[in-house]
Amino acid sequence: MDKEKREAYIEKLAAQLKEWNVQIDGLIAKAEKAKTDAGAEYTRQIENLNQKKETAAKKLEELKGKGEGAWEDIAAGMEKVLDDLKATFDNIKTRFK
């Protein structure tokens, strides 16, 4: 990929992480309102989600630091991390509506 595609990819990932931050904040607010056993499970799930988001953020920083030739390998790993993060997020939203 050329430099422009790399930059566009990085911007897209950064925007997605920001969007998930906002949505996670919403989930945290719901968990705080649900001060029950379900709320405790909800909180654990959100903590798991936050850990995965942090992994994605670290991968993004690693991706930003790589040159044009080497970054594609990290991008492939990044897609796996994002897929896992999205699946976890969707699971939480479905379970705790």
N, C-alpha and C. Protein backbone atom coordinates (compact mmCIF):
# COMPACT_ATOMS: atom_id res chain seq x y z
N MET A 1 0.85 -1.19 0.00
CA MET A 1 0.00 0.00 0.00
C MET A 1 0.88 1.24 0.00
N ASP A 2 0.37 2.23 -0.61
CA ASP A 2 1.14 3.46 -0.62
C ASP A 2 0.86 4.28 0.64
N LYS A 3 1.59 5.36 0.77
CA LYS A 3 1.52 6.18 1.98
C LYS A 3 0.11 6.72 2.21
N GLU A 4 -0.58 7.14 1.15
CA GLU A 4 -1.92 7.69 1.32
C GLU A 4 -2.90 6.64 1.84
N LYS A 5 -2.81 5.42 1.33
CA LYS A 5 -3.69 4.35 1.81
C LYS A 5 -3.38 4.04 3.27
N ARG A 6 -2.11 4.05 3.61
CA ARG A 6 -1.70 3.79 4.99
C ARG A 6 -2.28 4.84 5.92
N GLU A 7 -2.16 6.09 5.54
CA GLU A 7 -2.68 7.18 6.37
C GLU A 7 -4.20 7.10 6.49
N ALA A 8 -4.88 6.79 5.40
CA ALA A 8 -6.34 6.67 5.44
C ALA A 8 -6.76 5.51 6.34
N TYR A 9 -6.02 4.42 6.29
CA TYR A 9 -6.30 3.26 7.13
C TYR A 9 -6.12 3.62 8.60
N ILE A 10 -5.05 4.29 8.92
CA ILE A 10 -4.79 4.71 10.30
C ILE A 10 -5.89 5.65 10.79
N GLU A 11 -6.30 6.60 9.97
CA GLU A 11 -7.36 7.53 10.36
C GLU A 11 -8.67 6.78 10.61
N LYS A 12 -8.98 5.81 9.75
CA LYS A 12 -10.20 5.02 9.91
C LYS A 12 -10.17 4.26 11.23
N LEU A 13 -9.03 3.64 11.54
CA LEU A 13 -8.91 2.89 12.79
C LEU A 13 -9.03 3.81 14.00
N ALA A 14 -8.39 4.95 13.94
CA ALA A 14 -8.46 5.90 15.05
C ALA A 14 -9.89 6.37 15.27
N ALA A 15 -10.62 6.63 14.18
CA ALA A 15 -12.01 7.06 14.29
C ALA A 15 -12.87 5.95 14.90
N GLN A 16 -12.61 4.70 14.49
CA GLN A 16 -13.37 3.58 15.04
C GLN A 16 -13.12 3.43 16.53
N LEU A 17 -11.88 3.57 16.96
CA LEU A 17 -11.56 3.47 18.39
C LEU A 17 -12.23 4.59 19.18
N LYS A 18 -12.27 5.80 18.63
CA LYS A 18 -12.95 6.91 19.31
C LYS A 18 -14.44 6.61 19.45
N GLU A 19 -15.04 6.07 18.39
CA GLU A 19 -16.47 5.74 18.44
C GLU A 19 -16.73 4.69 19.51
N TRP A 20 -15.87 3.66 19.57
CA TRP A 20 -16.03 2.63 20.58
C TRP A 20 -15.84 3.20 21.98
N ASN A 21 -14.96 4.16 22.16
CA ASN A 21 -14.79 4.79 23.47
C ASN A 21 -16.10 5.41 23.93
N VAL A 22 -16.77 6.10 23.04
CA VAL A 22 -18.05 6.74 23.37
C VAL A 22 -19.08 5.67 23.72
N GLN A 23 -19.14 4.61 22.92
CA GLN A 23 -20.11 3.55 23.18
C GLN A 23 -19.80 2.81 24.48
N ILE A 24 -18.53 2.60 24.77
CA ILE A 24 -18.15 1.94 26.02
C ILE A 24 -18.54 2.81 27.21
N ASP A 25 -18.37 4.12 27.09
CA ASP A 25 -18.81 5.02 28.16
C ASP A 25 -20.31 4.87 28.41
N GLY A 26 -21.08 4.70 27.32
CA GLY A 26 -22.52 4.47 27.46
C GLY A 26 -22.82 3.16 28.17
N LEU A 27 -22.05 2.13 27.85
CA LEU A 27 -22.22 0.83 28.51
C LEU A 27 -21.89 0.93 29.99
N ILE A 28 -20.85 1.67 30.31
CA ILE A 28 -20.46 1.86 31.71
C ILE A 28 -21.58 2.55 32.48
N ALA A 29 -22.19 3.54 31.88
CA ALA A 29 -23.30 4.24 32.53
C ALA A 29 -24.45 3.28 32.80
N LYS A 30 -24.75 2.40 31.84
CA LYS A 30 -25.82 1.41 32.04
C LYS A 30 -25.46 0.44 33.15
N ALA A 31 -24.20 0.02 33.21
CA ALA A 31 -23.76 -0.91 34.24
C ALA A 31 -23.90 -0.29 35.62
N GLU A 32 -23.60 0.98 35.73
CA GLU A 32 -23.71 1.67 37.02
C GLU A 32 -25.16 1.75 37.49
N LYS A 33 -26.07 1.86 36.54
CA LYS A 33 -27.49 1.90 36.89
C LYS A 33 -28.00 0.53 37.32
N ALA A 34 -27.41 -0.51 36.77
CA ALA A 34 -27.85 -1.89 37.07
C ALA A 34 -27.02 -2.45 38.21
N LYS A 35 -27.26 -1.99 39.39
CA LYS A 35 -26.49 -2.43 40.57
C LYS A 35 -27.02 -3.78 41.09
N THR A 36 -27.01 -4.75 40.21
CA THR A 36 -27.47 -6.09 40.55
C THR A 36 -26.39 -7.09 40.15
N ASP A 37 -26.69 -8.38 40.29
CA ASP A 37 -25.75 -9.40 39.82
C ASP A 37 -25.49 -9.24 38.33
N ALA A 38 -26.52 -8.91 37.59
CA ALA A 38 -26.36 -8.68 36.15
C ALA A 38 -25.45 -7.48 35.91
N GLY A 39 -25.56 -6.48 36.76
CA GLY A 39 -24.69 -5.30 36.64
C GLY A 39 -23.24 -5.65 36.88
N ALA A 40 -22.98 -6.57 37.82
CA ALA A 40 -21.61 -7.00 38.09
C ALA A 40 -21.04 -7.74 36.88
N GLU A 41 -21.85 -8.60 36.28
CA GLU A 41 -21.41 -9.32 35.08
C GLU A 41 -21.19 -8.34 33.94
N TYR A 42 -22.07 -7.38 33.82
CA TYR A 42 -21.96 -6.34 32.80
C TYR A 42 -20.64 -5.59 32.97
N THR A 43 -20.31 -5.26 34.20
CA THR A 43 -19.07 -4.55 34.49
C THR A 43 -17.86 -5.39 34.09
N ARG A 44 -17.89 -6.70 34.39
CA ARG A 44 -16.78 -7.58 34.01
C ARG A 44 -16.62 -7.63 32.49
N GLN A 45 -17.74 -7.71 31.80
CA GLN A 45 -17.70 -7.75 30.34
C GLN A 45 -17.14 -6.45 29.77
N ILE A 46 -17.50 -5.33 30.37
CA ILE A 46 -16.99 -4.03 29.92
C ILE A 46 -15.49 -3.94 30.16
N GLU A 47 -15.03 -4.46 31.30
CA GLU A 47 -13.59 -4.46 31.58
C GLU A 47 -12.85 -5.28 30.53
N ASN A 48 -13.40 -6.42 30.15
CA ASN A 48 -12.83 -7.25 29.09
C ASN A 48 -12.78 -6.48 27.78
N LEU A 49 -13.87 -5.79 27.48
CA LEU A 49 -13.94 -4.99 26.27
C LEU A 49 -12.89 -3.88 26.29
N ASN A 50 -12.73 -3.23 27.43
CA ASN A 50 -11.73 -2.17 27.55
C ASN A 50 -10.31 -2.70 27.34
N GLN A 51 -10.03 -3.90 27.85
CA GLN A 51 -8.71 -4.49 27.64
C GLN A 51 -8.46 -4.74 26.16
N LYS A 52 -9.46 -5.23 25.47
CA LYS A 52 -9.31 -5.47 24.04
C LYS A 52 -9.15 -4.16 23.27
N LYS A 53 -9.85 -3.13 23.73
CA LYS A 53 -9.72 -1.83 23.08
C LYS A 53 -8.31 -1.27 23.28
N GLU A 54 -7.77 -1.47 24.48
CA GLU A 54 -6.40 -1.02 24.75
C GLU A 54 -5.40 -1.77 23.87
N THR A 55 -5.62 -3.06 23.67
CA THR A 55 -4.76 -3.84 22.77
C THR A 55 -4.82 -3.25 21.37
N ALA A 56 -6.03 -2.92 20.92
CA ALA A 56 -6.19 -2.33 19.59
C ALA A 56 -5.50 -0.97 19.50
N ALA A 57 -5.60 -0.18 20.56
CA ALA A 57 -4.95 1.14 20.57
C ALA A 57 -3.44 0.99 20.51
N LYS A 58 -2.89 -0.01 21.22
CA LYS A 58 -1.45 -0.24 21.18
C LYS A 58 -1.01 -0.68 19.79
N LYS A 59 -1.81 -1.55 19.16
CA LYS A 59 -1.50 -1.99 17.80
C LYS A 59 -1.54 -0.81 16.84
N LEU A 60 -2.49 0.09 17.05
CA LEU A 60 -2.59 1.26 16.19
C LEU A 60 -1.33 2.12 16.33
N GLU A 61 -0.86 2.31 17.56
CA GLU A 61 0.36 3.08 17.77
C GLU A 61 1.56 2.39 17.12
N GLU A 62 1.60 1.07 17.22
CA GLU A 62 2.67 0.31 16.57
C GLU A 62 2.59 0.48 15.06
N LEU A 63 1.39 0.46 14.54
CA LEU A 63 1.16 0.63 13.11
C LEU A 63 1.63 2.00 12.63
N LYS A 64 1.35 3.02 13.42
CA LYS A 64 1.77 4.38 13.07
C LYS A 64 3.28 4.50 12.97
N GLY A 65 3.99 3.71 13.78
CA GLY A 65 5.43 3.81 13.83
C GLY A 65 6.16 3.01 12.76
N LYS A 66 5.45 2.21 12.01
CA LYS A 66 6.09 1.37 11.01
C LYS A 66 6.19 2.09 9.68
N GLY A 67 7.22 1.74 8.94
CA GLY A 67 7.41 2.29 7.61
C GLY A 67 6.40 1.72 6.63
N GLU A 68 6.40 2.27 5.45
CA GLU A 68 5.42 1.88 4.46
C GLU A 68 5.49 0.41 4.09
N GLY A 69 6.67 -0.19 4.10
CA GLY A 69 6.80 -1.59 3.71
C GLY A 69 6.39 -2.57 4.81
N ALA A 70 6.72 -2.25 6.05
CA ALA A 70 6.52 -3.20 7.16
C ALA A 70 5.14 -3.11 7.80
N TRP A 71 4.42 -2.07 7.57
CA TRP A 71 3.19 -1.87 8.31
C TRP A 71 2.07 -2.81 7.89
N GLU A 72 2.13 -3.35 6.67
CA GLU A 72 1.06 -4.23 6.20
C GLU A 72 0.93 -5.49 7.05
N ASP A 73 2.07 -6.01 7.54
CA ASP A 73 2.01 -7.19 8.41
C ASP A 73 1.26 -6.87 9.70
N ILE A 74 1.51 -5.71 10.25
CA ILE A 74 0.83 -5.31 11.48
C ILE A 74 -0.65 -5.06 11.20
N ALA A 75 -0.96 -4.51 10.03
CA ALA A 75 -2.35 -4.24 9.66
C ALA A 75 -3.16 -5.54 9.64
N ALA A 76 -2.56 -6.63 9.16
CA ALA A 76 -3.26 -7.91 9.15
C ALA A 76 -3.59 -8.36 10.57
N GLY A 77 -2.63 -8.24 11.48
CA GLY A 77 -2.88 -8.57 12.88
C GLY A 77 -3.89 -7.63 13.51
N MET A 78 -3.85 -6.39 13.09
CA MET A 78 -4.78 -5.39 13.61
C MET A 78 -6.21 -5.77 13.25
N GLU A 79 -6.42 -6.27 12.06
CA GLU A 79 -7.77 -6.68 11.65
C GLU A 79 -8.32 -7.78 12.56
N LYS A 80 -7.47 -8.71 12.96
CA LYS A 80 -7.90 -9.77 13.88
C LYS A 80 -8.29 -9.19 15.23
N VAL A 81 -7.49 -8.27 15.72
CA VAL A 81 -7.79 -7.62 17.01
C VAL A 81 -9.11 -6.86 16.92
N LEU A 82 -9.33 -6.14 15.83
CA LEU A 82 -10.57 -5.38 15.67
C LEU A 82 -11.78 -6.30 15.53
N ASP A 83 -11.63 -7.41 14.82
CA ASP A 83 -12.73 -8.36 14.69
C ASP A 83 -13.12 -8.91 16.07
N ASP A 84 -12.12 -9.24 16.89
CA ASP A 84 -12.37 -9.75 18.23
C ASP A 84 -13.05 -8.68 19.09
N LEU A 85 -12.57 -7.46 19.00
CA LEU A 85 -13.15 -6.35 19.75
C LEU A 85 -14.59 -6.12 19.34
N LYS A 86 -14.86 -6.12 18.05
CA LYS A 86 -16.22 -5.91 17.55
C LYS A 86 -17.14 -7.03 18.01
N ALA A 87 -16.68 -8.28 17.94
CA ALA A 87 -17.50 -9.40 18.38
C ALA A 87 -17.83 -9.30 19.87
N THR A 88 -16.85 -8.93 20.67
CA THR A 88 -17.07 -8.76 22.11
C THR A 88 -18.07 -7.63 22.37
N PHE A 89 -17.89 -6.53 21.67
CA PHE A 89 -18.78 -5.39 21.83
C PHE A 89 -20.21 -5.76 21.44
N ASP A 90 -20.37 -6.43 20.30
CA ASP A 90 -21.71 -6.83 19.85
C ASP A 90 -22.36 -7.79 20.84
N ASN A 91 -21.56 -8.70 21.42
CA ASN A 91 -22.06 -9.64 22.40
C ASN A 91 -22.59 -8.91 23.63
N ILE A 92 -21.84 -7.94 24.10
CA ILE A 92 -22.26 -7.18 25.27
C ILE A 92 -23.55 -6.41 24.98
N LYS A 93 -23.60 -5.76 23.83
CA LYS A 93 -24.80 -4.99 23.49
C LYS A 93 -26.01 -5.89 23.39
N THR A 94 -25.85 -7.08 22.86
CA THR A 94 -26.97 -8.01 22.71
C THR A 94 -27.41 -8.57 24.06
N ARG A 95 -26.44 -8.93 24.90
CA ARG A 95 -26.76 -9.53 26.20
C ARG A 95 -27.38 -8.57 27.19
N PHE A 96 -26.96 -7.33 27.15
CA PHE A 96 -27.36 -6.37 28.18
C PHE A 96 -28.15 -5.20 27.62
N LYS A 97 -29.11 -5.49 26.80
CA LYS A 97 -29.94 -4.40 26.24
C LYS A 97 -30.81 -3.78 27.28
